[in-house]
N, C-alpha and C. Protein backbone atom coordinates (compact mmCIF):
# COMPACT_ATOMS: atom_id res chain seq x y z
N MET A 1 28.77 -31.68 -21.71
CA MET A 1 28.80 -32.11 -20.49
C MET A 1 29.09 -30.86 -19.44
N LEU A 2 30.00 -29.94 -20.02
CA LEU A 2 30.41 -28.83 -19.45
C LEU A 2 29.08 -27.97 -19.43
N TYR A 3 28.34 -27.88 -20.59
CA TYR A 3 27.15 -27.19 -20.59
C TYR A 3 26.04 -27.43 -19.58
N ILE A 4 25.89 -28.98 -19.46
CA ILE A 4 25.16 -29.21 -18.22
C ILE A 4 25.63 -28.89 -16.93
N THR A 5 26.85 -28.97 -16.70
CA THR A 5 27.37 -28.51 -15.31
C THR A 5 27.11 -27.08 -14.96
N VAL A 6 27.43 -26.34 -16.14
CA VAL A 6 27.33 -24.86 -16.00
C VAL A 6 25.78 -24.48 -15.74
N ARG A 7 24.92 -24.92 -16.45
CA ARG A 7 23.25 -24.95 -16.29
C ARG A 7 22.98 -25.25 -14.99
N SER A 8 23.49 -26.57 -14.54
CA SER A 8 23.20 -26.92 -13.05
C SER A 8 23.49 -25.79 -11.99
N ARG A 9 24.89 -25.29 -12.27
CA ARG A 9 25.35 -24.34 -11.25
C ARG A 9 24.52 -23.10 -11.23
N LEU A 10 24.05 -22.87 -12.56
CA LEU A 10 23.39 -21.46 -12.62
C LEU A 10 21.84 -21.71 -11.88
N LYS A 11 21.39 -22.84 -12.26
CA LYS A 11 20.08 -23.04 -11.44
C LYS A 11 20.32 -23.14 -10.12
N GLN A 12 21.24 -23.75 -9.39
CA GLN A 12 21.57 -23.63 -7.95
C GLN A 12 21.82 -22.26 -7.48
N ALA A 13 22.45 -21.56 -8.30
CA ALA A 13 22.78 -20.05 -7.81
C ALA A 13 21.69 -19.23 -7.70
N GLY A 14 20.87 -19.47 -8.92
CA GLY A 14 19.51 -18.71 -8.90
C GLY A 14 18.67 -19.16 -8.00
N LEU A 15 18.53 -20.34 -7.46
CA LEU A 15 17.64 -20.99 -6.39
C LEU A 15 18.14 -20.25 -5.04
N LEU A 16 19.39 -20.16 -4.95
CA LEU A 16 20.13 -19.66 -3.65
C LEU A 16 19.62 -18.21 -3.59
N LEU A 17 19.93 -17.41 -4.60
CA LEU A 17 19.55 -16.14 -4.81
C LEU A 17 18.21 -15.69 -4.41
N GLY A 18 17.40 -16.54 -5.04
CA GLY A 18 15.90 -16.38 -4.64
C GLY A 18 15.59 -16.84 -3.19
N ILE A 19 16.06 -17.72 -2.77
CA ILE A 19 15.85 -17.95 -1.22
C ILE A 19 16.41 -16.85 -0.37
N SER A 20 17.60 -16.32 -0.58
CA SER A 20 18.33 -15.20 0.02
C SER A 20 17.32 -14.15 -0.08
N LEU A 21 16.78 -13.72 -1.25
CA LEU A 21 15.97 -12.52 -1.53
C LEU A 21 14.75 -12.73 -0.64
N LEU A 22 14.07 -13.86 -0.70
CA LEU A 22 12.87 -14.12 -0.08
C LEU A 22 13.16 -13.99 1.73
N CYS A 23 14.13 -14.61 2.12
CA CYS A 23 14.47 -14.48 3.46
C CYS A 23 14.90 -13.16 4.00
N THR A 24 15.47 -12.26 3.28
CA THR A 24 15.63 -10.86 3.36
C THR A 24 14.31 -10.14 3.59
N MET A 25 13.49 -10.36 2.49
CA MET A 25 12.20 -9.68 2.43
C MET A 25 11.46 -10.23 3.57
N LEU A 26 11.27 -11.29 3.85
CA LEU A 26 10.58 -11.66 5.20
C LEU A 26 11.06 -11.14 6.37
N GLY A 27 12.45 -11.14 6.37
CA GLY A 27 13.06 -10.64 7.58
C GLY A 27 12.57 -9.05 7.79
N ILE A 28 12.64 -8.25 6.73
CA ILE A 28 12.03 -7.06 6.88
C ILE A 28 10.84 -6.90 6.98
N ALA A 29 10.00 -7.80 6.27
CA ALA A 29 8.56 -7.77 6.60
C ALA A 29 7.98 -7.98 7.87
N ALA A 30 8.85 -8.62 8.67
CA ALA A 30 8.62 -9.16 10.14
C ALA A 30 8.54 -7.88 10.78
N ARG A 31 9.26 -7.16 10.49
CA ARG A 31 9.32 -5.79 11.36
C ARG A 31 8.16 -4.89 10.76
N TYR A 32 7.64 -4.98 9.78
CA TYR A 32 6.30 -4.11 9.19
C TYR A 32 5.11 -5.01 9.42
N SER A 33 5.02 -6.05 10.11
CA SER A 33 3.90 -6.93 10.31
C SER A 33 3.32 -7.60 9.20
N LEU A 34 4.08 -8.13 8.23
CA LEU A 34 3.77 -9.18 7.49
C LEU A 34 3.48 -10.50 7.80
N LEU A 35 4.04 -10.78 9.04
CA LEU A 35 3.66 -12.02 9.82
C LEU A 35 2.87 -11.90 11.00
N GLY A 36 2.03 -10.79 10.97
CA GLY A 36 0.97 -10.51 11.98
C GLY A 36 1.49 -9.43 13.12
N ALA A 37 2.53 -9.05 13.22
CA ALA A 37 2.88 -7.99 14.18
C ALA A 37 2.55 -6.65 13.46
N ARG A 38 2.28 -5.65 14.31
CA ARG A 38 1.85 -4.26 13.86
C ARG A 38 3.16 -3.63 13.28
N VAL A 39 2.93 -2.68 12.49
CA VAL A 39 4.03 -1.88 11.86
C VAL A 39 4.39 -1.05 12.97
N GLU A 40 3.38 -0.39 13.56
CA GLU A 40 3.69 0.57 14.79
C GLU A 40 3.30 -0.26 15.97
N PRO A 41 3.81 0.09 17.29
CA PRO A 41 3.65 -0.64 18.49
C PRO A 41 1.89 -0.57 18.77
N GLY A 42 1.40 0.68 18.23
CA GLY A 42 -0.08 0.95 18.52
C GLY A 42 -0.36 2.06 17.58
N PRO A 43 -1.61 2.23 17.33
CA PRO A 43 -2.10 3.28 16.27
C PRO A 43 -1.46 4.78 17.05
N LEU A 44 -0.91 5.56 16.08
CA LEU A 44 -0.45 6.94 16.66
C LEU A 44 -1.40 7.91 16.53
N PRO A 45 -1.54 9.10 17.35
CA PRO A 45 -2.52 9.91 17.01
C PRO A 45 -2.33 10.55 15.72
N SER A 46 -3.55 10.72 15.12
CA SER A 46 -3.27 11.20 13.68
C SER A 46 -4.52 12.36 13.35
N ASP A 47 -4.29 13.08 12.42
CA ASP A 47 -5.19 14.05 11.82
C ASP A 47 -6.39 13.39 11.11
N VAL A 48 -6.09 11.99 10.48
CA VAL A 48 -7.15 11.48 9.70
C VAL A 48 -6.45 9.93 9.47
N ILE A 49 -7.45 8.86 9.69
CA ILE A 49 -7.22 7.66 9.16
C ILE A 49 -7.53 7.17 7.89
N VAL A 50 -6.74 6.74 7.11
CA VAL A 50 -6.90 6.17 5.60
C VAL A 50 -7.25 4.85 5.70
N VAL A 51 -8.41 4.28 5.35
CA VAL A 51 -8.67 2.83 4.97
C VAL A 51 -8.63 2.54 3.60
N LEU A 52 -7.43 1.50 3.31
CA LEU A 52 -7.57 1.12 2.00
C LEU A 52 -8.55 0.03 1.67
N ALA A 53 -8.75 0.14 0.28
CA ALA A 53 -9.72 -0.82 -0.03
C ALA A 53 -9.39 -2.32 -0.01
N GLY A 54 -10.51 -3.05 0.30
CA GLY A 54 -10.27 -4.38 0.52
C GLY A 54 -11.14 -5.10 1.52
N GLU A 55 -10.68 -5.83 2.37
CA GLU A 55 -11.38 -6.47 3.40
C GLU A 55 -12.43 -5.71 4.27
N PRO A 56 -13.35 -6.02 4.63
CA PRO A 56 -14.34 -5.23 5.43
C PRO A 56 -13.99 -5.10 7.00
N THR A 57 -13.01 -5.95 7.40
CA THR A 57 -12.14 -5.80 8.55
C THR A 57 -11.46 -4.43 8.77
N ARG A 58 -11.01 -3.98 7.60
CA ARG A 58 -10.19 -2.66 7.62
C ARG A 58 -11.17 -1.62 7.90
N ASP A 59 -12.27 -1.60 7.35
CA ASP A 59 -13.29 -0.55 7.65
C ASP A 59 -13.64 -0.32 9.06
N ARG A 60 -13.94 -1.61 9.52
CA ARG A 60 -14.33 -1.91 10.96
C ARG A 60 -13.26 -1.37 12.06
N TYR A 61 -12.16 -1.79 11.70
CA TYR A 61 -11.00 -1.28 12.47
C TYR A 61 -10.79 0.28 12.47
N ALA A 62 -10.84 0.81 11.37
CA ALA A 62 -10.69 2.19 11.19
C ALA A 62 -11.76 2.99 11.94
N THR A 63 -13.00 2.60 11.96
CA THR A 63 -14.18 3.03 12.60
C THR A 63 -13.70 2.96 14.26
N ALA A 64 -13.29 1.78 14.47
CA ALA A 64 -12.95 1.48 15.79
C ALA A 64 -11.90 2.62 16.43
N LEU A 65 -10.95 2.82 15.68
CA LEU A 65 -10.00 3.87 15.77
C LEU A 65 -10.27 5.15 16.02
N VAL A 66 -11.47 5.44 15.26
CA VAL A 66 -11.97 6.94 15.53
C VAL A 66 -12.65 6.95 16.72
N ALA A 67 -13.30 5.84 17.17
CA ALA A 67 -14.08 5.89 18.23
C ALA A 67 -13.20 5.60 19.66
N GLN A 68 -11.91 5.27 19.38
CA GLN A 68 -10.86 5.37 20.59
C GLN A 68 -10.22 6.54 20.48
N GLY A 69 -10.56 7.57 19.57
CA GLY A 69 -9.69 8.88 19.60
C GLY A 69 -8.47 8.97 18.93
N VAL A 70 -8.26 7.95 18.14
CA VAL A 70 -6.96 7.98 17.46
C VAL A 70 -6.90 9.18 16.37
N ALA A 71 -8.04 9.37 15.71
CA ALA A 71 -8.16 10.58 14.65
C ALA A 71 -9.66 10.87 14.73
N PRO A 72 -9.98 12.04 14.23
CA PRO A 72 -11.46 12.42 14.27
C PRO A 72 -12.22 11.72 13.08
N ARG A 73 -11.60 11.38 12.11
CA ARG A 73 -12.12 11.11 10.84
C ARG A 73 -11.58 9.97 10.28
N VAL A 74 -12.32 9.34 9.07
CA VAL A 74 -11.79 8.26 8.33
C VAL A 74 -12.04 8.72 6.78
N LEU A 75 -11.21 8.58 5.94
CA LEU A 75 -11.30 8.51 4.46
C LEU A 75 -11.01 7.10 3.99
N SER A 76 -11.78 6.76 2.90
CA SER A 76 -11.55 5.73 2.28
C SER A 76 -11.14 6.02 0.83
N THR A 77 -10.30 5.17 0.35
CA THR A 77 -9.52 5.31 -0.83
C THR A 77 -10.60 5.14 -2.05
N LEU A 78 -11.77 4.41 -1.53
CA LEU A 78 -12.52 4.09 -2.70
C LEU A 78 -13.58 5.43 -2.96
N VAL A 79 -13.46 6.51 -2.16
CA VAL A 79 -14.25 7.52 -2.39
C VAL A 79 -13.56 8.69 -2.65
N ASP A 80 -13.67 9.53 -3.81
CA ASP A 80 -12.82 10.48 -4.14
C ASP A 80 -13.53 11.87 -3.31
N PRO A 81 -12.48 12.39 -2.49
CA PRO A 81 -12.71 13.32 -1.53
C PRO A 81 -13.20 14.66 -2.34
N GLN A 82 -12.73 15.03 -3.32
CA GLN A 82 -12.96 16.20 -3.92
C GLN A 82 -14.56 16.18 -4.65
N CYS A 83 -14.88 14.92 -4.96
CA CYS A 83 -16.38 14.89 -5.29
C CYS A 83 -17.10 15.22 -4.25
N VAL A 84 -16.86 14.56 -3.03
CA VAL A 84 -17.63 14.77 -2.03
C VAL A 84 -17.76 16.25 -1.52
N ARG A 85 -16.56 16.96 -1.56
CA ARG A 85 -16.46 18.39 -1.17
C ARG A 85 -17.34 19.03 -2.31
N ALA A 86 -17.67 18.63 -3.30
CA ALA A 86 -18.28 19.30 -4.42
C ALA A 86 -19.82 19.13 -4.19
N GLY A 87 -20.22 18.58 -3.09
CA GLY A 87 -21.56 18.43 -2.62
C GLY A 87 -22.22 17.14 -2.96
N ARG A 88 -21.58 16.30 -3.71
CA ARG A 88 -22.09 14.87 -4.06
C ARG A 88 -22.04 13.84 -2.94
N LEU A 89 -22.91 12.95 -2.92
CA LEU A 89 -23.06 11.88 -1.96
C LEU A 89 -21.80 10.86 -2.17
N PRO A 90 -21.29 10.50 -1.18
CA PRO A 90 -20.16 9.48 -1.31
C PRO A 90 -20.42 8.33 -2.16
N GLN A 91 -21.76 7.83 -2.09
CA GLN A 91 -22.16 6.54 -3.03
C GLN A 91 -21.92 7.07 -4.37
N VAL A 92 -21.81 8.18 -4.88
CA VAL A 92 -21.80 8.48 -6.36
C VAL A 92 -20.35 8.95 -6.60
N CYS A 93 -19.60 8.97 -5.54
CA CYS A 93 -18.02 9.66 -5.82
C CYS A 93 -17.12 8.47 -5.93
N ALA A 94 -17.32 7.35 -6.52
CA ALA A 94 -15.99 6.46 -6.70
C ALA A 94 -14.74 7.00 -7.12
N SER A 95 -13.85 6.43 -6.57
CA SER A 95 -12.41 7.07 -6.88
C SER A 95 -11.94 6.35 -8.14
N GLY A 96 -12.23 5.19 -8.21
CA GLY A 96 -11.72 4.46 -9.49
C GLY A 96 -10.23 3.72 -9.20
N VAL A 97 -9.75 3.77 -7.94
CA VAL A 97 -8.70 3.26 -7.51
C VAL A 97 -8.42 1.74 -8.03
N ARG A 98 -7.48 1.18 -8.44
CA ARG A 98 -7.33 -0.04 -8.77
C ARG A 98 -6.03 -0.70 -8.31
N SER A 99 -5.33 -0.18 -7.53
CA SER A 99 -4.05 -0.53 -7.01
C SER A 99 -3.65 0.19 -5.71
N THR A 100 -2.75 -0.25 -4.94
CA THR A 100 -2.24 0.45 -3.81
C THR A 100 -1.52 1.74 -4.32
N VAL A 101 -0.79 1.64 -5.33
CA VAL A 101 -0.11 2.92 -5.87
C VAL A 101 -1.23 3.85 -6.15
N ASP A 102 -2.26 3.46 -6.85
CA ASP A 102 -3.46 4.50 -7.27
C ASP A 102 -3.89 5.07 -5.69
N GLU A 103 -3.91 4.18 -4.71
CA GLU A 103 -4.72 4.71 -3.48
C GLU A 103 -3.69 5.76 -2.79
N ALA A 104 -2.43 5.41 -2.96
CA ALA A 104 -1.33 6.25 -2.35
C ALA A 104 -1.50 7.79 -2.98
N LEU A 105 -1.29 7.71 -4.41
CA LEU A 105 -1.25 8.90 -5.11
C LEU A 105 -2.63 9.84 -4.95
N LEU A 106 -3.72 9.21 -4.72
CA LEU A 106 -5.11 9.84 -4.52
C LEU A 106 -4.93 10.43 -3.16
N MET A 107 -4.50 9.89 -2.28
CA MET A 107 -4.25 10.41 -0.79
C MET A 107 -3.33 11.19 -0.74
N HIS A 108 -2.11 11.16 -1.41
CA HIS A 108 -0.98 12.27 -1.46
C HIS A 108 -1.61 13.56 -1.79
N THR A 109 -2.54 13.65 -2.99
CA THR A 109 -3.02 14.80 -3.41
C THR A 109 -3.89 15.35 -2.51
N GLU A 110 -4.90 14.65 -1.99
CA GLU A 110 -5.99 15.04 -1.00
C GLU A 110 -5.15 15.62 0.28
N LEU A 111 -4.53 14.68 0.80
CA LEU A 111 -3.84 15.16 2.24
C LEU A 111 -2.91 16.27 2.17
N ALA A 112 -2.18 16.37 1.17
CA ALA A 112 -1.21 17.56 1.03
C ALA A 112 -1.97 18.71 0.93
N ALA A 113 -3.35 18.86 0.14
CA ALA A 113 -3.98 19.98 -0.04
C ALA A 113 -4.56 20.40 1.24
N GLU A 114 -4.98 19.46 2.07
CA GLU A 114 -5.47 19.63 3.49
C GLU A 114 -4.34 20.19 4.53
N ARG A 115 -3.16 20.06 4.07
CA ARG A 115 -1.95 20.25 5.01
C ARG A 115 -2.14 19.23 6.28
N VAL A 116 -2.41 17.96 6.08
CA VAL A 116 -2.33 17.07 7.09
C VAL A 116 -0.83 16.75 7.55
N GLN A 117 -0.83 16.53 8.83
CA GLN A 117 0.64 16.30 9.19
C GLN A 117 0.96 14.67 9.54
N GLN A 118 -0.16 14.07 10.14
CA GLN A 118 0.09 12.69 10.49
C GLN A 118 -1.20 11.92 9.90
N VAL A 119 -0.93 10.82 9.41
CA VAL A 119 -1.78 9.86 8.83
C VAL A 119 -1.76 8.43 9.22
N THR A 120 -2.75 7.86 9.64
CA THR A 120 -2.64 6.31 9.83
C THR A 120 -3.39 5.54 8.83
N VAL A 121 -2.75 4.65 8.15
CA VAL A 121 -3.16 3.98 7.08
C VAL A 121 -3.53 2.46 7.76
N VAL A 122 -4.93 2.12 7.39
CA VAL A 122 -5.36 0.86 7.89
C VAL A 122 -5.30 -0.19 6.55
N THR A 123 -4.73 -1.33 6.74
CA THR A 123 -4.77 -2.41 5.68
C THR A 123 -4.60 -3.48 6.43
N SER A 124 -4.60 -4.84 5.66
CA SER A 124 -4.35 -6.15 6.22
C SER A 124 -3.11 -6.33 6.71
N ASN A 125 -2.84 -7.24 7.60
CA ASN A 125 -1.54 -7.54 8.33
C ASN A 125 -0.55 -8.05 6.92
N TYR A 126 -0.97 -8.84 6.08
CA TYR A 126 -0.06 -9.40 5.01
C TYR A 126 0.43 -8.22 4.09
N HIS A 127 -0.47 -7.08 4.14
CA HIS A 127 0.05 -6.00 2.96
C HIS A 127 0.70 -4.88 3.53
N THR A 128 0.83 -4.79 4.92
CA THR A 128 1.42 -3.58 5.38
C THR A 128 2.93 -3.32 4.87
N LEU A 129 3.56 -4.18 4.64
CA LEU A 129 5.04 -3.93 4.07
C LEU A 129 4.96 -3.21 2.94
N ARG A 130 4.45 -3.73 1.87
CA ARG A 130 4.19 -3.33 0.46
C ARG A 130 3.64 -1.91 0.56
N ALA A 131 2.48 -1.89 1.33
CA ALA A 131 1.65 -0.54 1.54
C ALA A 131 2.43 0.47 2.07
N ALA A 132 3.42 0.18 3.06
CA ALA A 132 4.34 1.18 3.70
C ALA A 132 5.15 1.74 2.84
N VAL A 133 5.77 0.72 2.00
CA VAL A 133 6.84 1.23 1.02
C VAL A 133 6.26 2.16 0.11
N ILE A 134 5.24 1.67 -0.37
CA ILE A 134 4.52 2.70 -1.70
C ILE A 134 4.23 3.93 -1.03
N PHE A 135 3.56 3.84 0.23
CA PHE A 135 2.93 5.16 0.83
C PHE A 135 4.33 6.13 1.11
N ARG A 136 5.37 5.43 1.42
CA ARG A 136 6.41 6.34 2.03
C ARG A 136 7.03 6.83 0.75
N ILE A 137 7.16 6.20 -0.43
CA ILE A 137 7.78 6.55 -1.78
C ILE A 137 6.81 7.96 -2.13
N VAL A 138 5.59 7.67 -2.18
CA VAL A 138 4.60 8.63 -2.71
C VAL A 138 4.58 9.88 -1.90
N PHE A 139 4.99 9.62 -0.46
CA PHE A 139 4.65 10.91 0.39
C PHE A 139 5.93 11.64 0.66
N ILE A 140 7.01 11.09 -0.03
CA ILE A 140 8.52 11.72 0.20
C ILE A 140 8.30 13.36 -0.21
N GLY A 141 8.87 13.87 0.80
CA GLY A 141 9.02 15.63 0.57
C GLY A 141 7.74 16.18 0.96
N SER A 142 6.53 15.58 1.58
CA SER A 142 5.21 16.02 1.68
C SER A 142 5.25 16.54 3.07
N GLY A 143 6.04 16.19 3.99
CA GLY A 143 5.83 16.46 5.36
C GLY A 143 4.85 15.87 5.96
N ILE A 144 4.35 14.76 5.44
CA ILE A 144 3.09 13.89 6.16
C ILE A 144 3.79 12.72 6.63
N GLN A 145 3.70 12.51 7.79
CA GLN A 145 3.93 11.07 8.55
C GLN A 145 3.06 10.20 8.32
N VAL A 146 3.31 9.00 7.85
CA VAL A 146 2.50 7.96 7.49
C VAL A 146 2.79 6.82 8.61
N SER A 147 1.92 6.34 9.21
CA SER A 147 2.12 4.82 9.84
C SER A 147 1.08 4.11 9.36
N MET A 148 1.33 2.74 9.51
CA MET A 148 0.43 1.41 8.99
C MET A 148 -0.02 0.77 10.22
N VAL A 149 -1.10 0.32 10.24
CA VAL A 149 -1.63 -0.44 11.08
C VAL A 149 -2.63 -1.35 10.47
N ALA A 150 -2.66 -2.75 11.33
CA ALA A 150 -3.75 -3.80 10.56
C ALA A 150 -4.41 -4.21 11.97
N PRO A 151 -5.70 -4.34 11.28
CA PRO A 151 -6.66 -5.18 12.44
C PRO A 151 -6.06 -6.43 12.99
N PRO A 152 -6.33 -6.53 14.32
CA PRO A 152 -5.91 -7.99 14.80
C PRO A 152 -6.47 -8.95 14.11
N GLY A 153 -5.60 -10.07 14.03
CA GLY A 153 -6.21 -11.37 13.32
C GLY A 153 -4.95 -12.39 13.04
N PRO A 154 -5.47 -13.42 12.39
CA PRO A 154 -4.52 -14.60 12.45
C PRO A 154 -3.36 -14.05 11.46
N PRO A 155 -2.32 -14.77 11.48
CA PRO A 155 -1.06 -14.57 10.71
C PRO A 155 -1.69 -14.90 9.03
N PRO A 156 -1.07 -14.13 8.04
CA PRO A 156 -1.48 -14.42 6.76
C PRO A 156 -1.18 -15.65 6.28
N ASP A 157 -1.88 -16.36 5.24
CA ASP A 157 -1.46 -17.59 4.71
C ASP A 157 -0.34 -17.40 3.79
N SER A 158 0.22 -18.65 3.15
CA SER A 158 1.33 -18.45 2.26
C SER A 158 0.89 -17.98 1.02
N ARG A 159 -0.42 -18.21 0.52
CA ARG A 159 -0.90 -17.48 -0.66
C ARG A 159 -0.65 -16.10 -0.53
N ASN A 160 -1.28 -15.29 0.49
CA ASN A 160 -1.06 -13.87 0.40
C ASN A 160 0.26 -13.59 0.44
N ILE A 161 1.24 -13.95 1.14
CA ILE A 161 2.48 -13.70 1.31
C ILE A 161 3.22 -13.68 -0.02
N ILE A 162 2.89 -14.80 -0.72
CA ILE A 162 3.56 -15.08 -2.19
C ILE A 162 3.09 -14.15 -2.96
N SER A 163 1.83 -13.57 -3.13
CA SER A 163 1.04 -12.65 -4.03
C SER A 163 1.93 -11.27 -3.51
N GLU A 164 1.97 -11.05 -2.34
CA GLU A 164 2.80 -9.73 -1.98
C GLU A 164 4.19 -9.80 -2.46
N VAL A 165 4.91 -10.73 -2.22
CA VAL A 165 6.19 -10.71 -2.64
C VAL A 165 6.14 -10.50 -4.46
N LYS A 166 5.27 -11.12 -4.94
CA LYS A 166 5.32 -11.12 -6.50
C LYS A 166 5.11 -9.62 -7.12
N LYS A 167 4.37 -9.01 -6.14
CA LYS A 167 3.89 -7.55 -6.60
C LYS A 167 4.71 -6.64 -6.13
N PHE A 168 5.79 -6.66 -5.05
CA PHE A 168 6.51 -5.83 -4.38
C PHE A 168 7.43 -4.85 -5.30
N PHE A 169 8.33 -5.44 -6.12
CA PHE A 169 9.18 -4.62 -6.85
C PHE A 169 8.25 -4.14 -8.15
N PRO A 170 7.22 -4.58 -8.84
CA PRO A 170 6.52 -3.83 -9.58
C PRO A 170 5.73 -2.76 -8.96
N SER A 171 5.44 -2.94 -7.84
CA SER A 171 4.75 -1.62 -6.84
C SER A 171 5.68 -0.61 -6.62
N VAL A 172 6.83 -1.01 -6.38
CA VAL A 172 7.88 0.14 -5.95
C VAL A 172 8.17 1.01 -7.28
N GLY A 173 8.37 0.16 -8.25
CA GLY A 173 8.78 0.83 -9.55
C GLY A 173 7.61 1.81 -9.98
N ALA A 174 6.24 1.44 -9.69
CA ALA A 174 5.05 2.10 -10.16
C ALA A 174 5.03 3.19 -9.19
N ALA A 175 5.33 3.09 -8.05
CA ALA A 175 5.15 4.30 -6.86
C ALA A 175 6.21 5.26 -7.21
N ILE A 176 7.38 4.88 -7.66
CA ILE A 176 8.45 5.88 -8.21
C ILE A 176 8.08 6.77 -9.37
N ILE A 177 7.65 6.04 -10.37
CA ILE A 177 7.09 6.61 -11.38
C ILE A 177 5.90 7.69 -11.14
N GLY A 178 5.01 7.20 -10.15
CA GLY A 178 3.78 7.99 -10.02
C GLY A 178 4.19 9.06 -9.16
N ARG A 179 5.38 9.09 -8.35
CA ARG A 179 5.74 10.39 -7.50
C ARG A 179 6.41 11.26 -8.39
N LEU A 180 7.10 10.86 -9.33
CA LEU A 180 8.05 11.70 -10.01
C LEU A 180 7.19 12.29 -11.17
N SER A 181 6.41 11.50 -11.72
CA SER A 181 5.42 12.06 -13.15
C SER A 181 4.19 11.33 -12.88
N PRO A 182 3.18 11.93 -12.21
CA PRO A 182 1.77 11.44 -12.15
C PRO A 182 1.18 11.05 -13.50
N ALA A 183 1.37 12.14 -14.55
CA ALA A 183 0.81 11.89 -15.73
C ALA A 183 1.60 10.64 -16.53
N LEU A 184 2.70 10.58 -16.49
CA LEU A 184 3.27 9.29 -17.13
C LEU A 184 2.85 8.16 -16.14
N TYR A 185 2.66 8.04 -15.11
CA TYR A 185 2.11 6.93 -14.50
C TYR A 185 0.74 6.69 -14.89
N GLN A 186 -0.21 7.72 -15.07
CA GLN A 186 -1.54 7.48 -15.60
C GLN A 186 -1.46 6.96 -17.01
N ARG A 187 -0.49 7.34 -17.91
CA ARG A 187 -0.43 6.89 -19.30
C ARG A 187 -0.04 5.35 -19.27
N ILE A 188 0.93 4.94 -18.53
CA ILE A 188 1.35 3.66 -18.37
C ILE A 188 0.29 2.70 -17.91
N ALA A 189 -0.32 3.25 -16.68
CA ALA A 189 -1.56 2.40 -16.23
C ALA A 189 -2.64 2.07 -17.15
N GLN A 190 -2.80 3.17 -18.07
CA GLN A 190 -4.02 3.02 -18.96
C GLN A 190 -3.70 1.97 -19.99
N GLN A 191 -2.48 2.09 -20.44
CA GLN A 191 -2.00 1.11 -21.44
C GLN A 191 -1.83 -0.26 -20.89
N PHE A 192 -1.32 -0.44 -19.61
CA PHE A 192 -1.37 -1.86 -18.91
C PHE A 192 -2.58 -2.26 -18.68
N ARG A 193 -3.66 -1.46 -18.45
CA ARG A 193 -4.87 -1.88 -18.09
C ARG A 193 -5.81 -2.09 -19.23
N GLY A 194 -5.29 -1.70 -20.46
CA GLY A 194 -6.12 -1.61 -21.70
C GLY A 194 -7.14 -0.51 -21.70
N GLU A 195 -6.75 0.38 -21.07
CA GLU A 195 -7.97 1.67 -20.97
C GLU A 195 -7.52 2.54 -21.95
N THR A 196 -8.59 3.46 -22.58
CA THR A 196 -8.02 4.40 -23.42
C THR A 196 -9.01 5.57 -22.88
N ARG A 197 -8.34 6.93 -23.08
CA ARG A 197 -9.25 7.99 -22.46
C ARG A 197 -9.14 8.94 -23.65
N LEU A 198 -10.27 9.60 -23.85
CA LEU A 198 -10.01 10.63 -25.03
C LEU A 198 -9.80 12.11 -24.43
């Protein structure tokens, strides 16, 4: 009888803790546009716009921002900038990124080498909180200011929000490892994805 009471109390405590955590994250997220508002009141003037892989609306919005004069150019995380600089066409320069952490690490390397000072990252409204945290972790100490924007659109559905909540802490952990030790991050990512490199 005591076992059932303790177990019931633990379930209630776990449920309350889970609800509290979710509410806290959604409160923070509302500030960063998880619920449809922009991370910034508007796009900040930048040296470059980085568009994250995903929905085509991201690419269109990044192009519109360049047309508005927010930044002179767009970089896609799907294209390896070093490959393009070597004279190859962007179509054959796939970056191979598979996650937001991969994208942040790729852009950190590239933008630090170019001595960029301000970057605007374009992603979807449901993804801005997690992307902002990942990019800020990866860009710590670089001197590069990162702002997040999302194309105008309807609020995200519950499926997208739940997916982002599930990915939040693993992504933060991966970003910390990737920032502190890119080689360790690559080894872990290869094992996790079942990849082997010789």
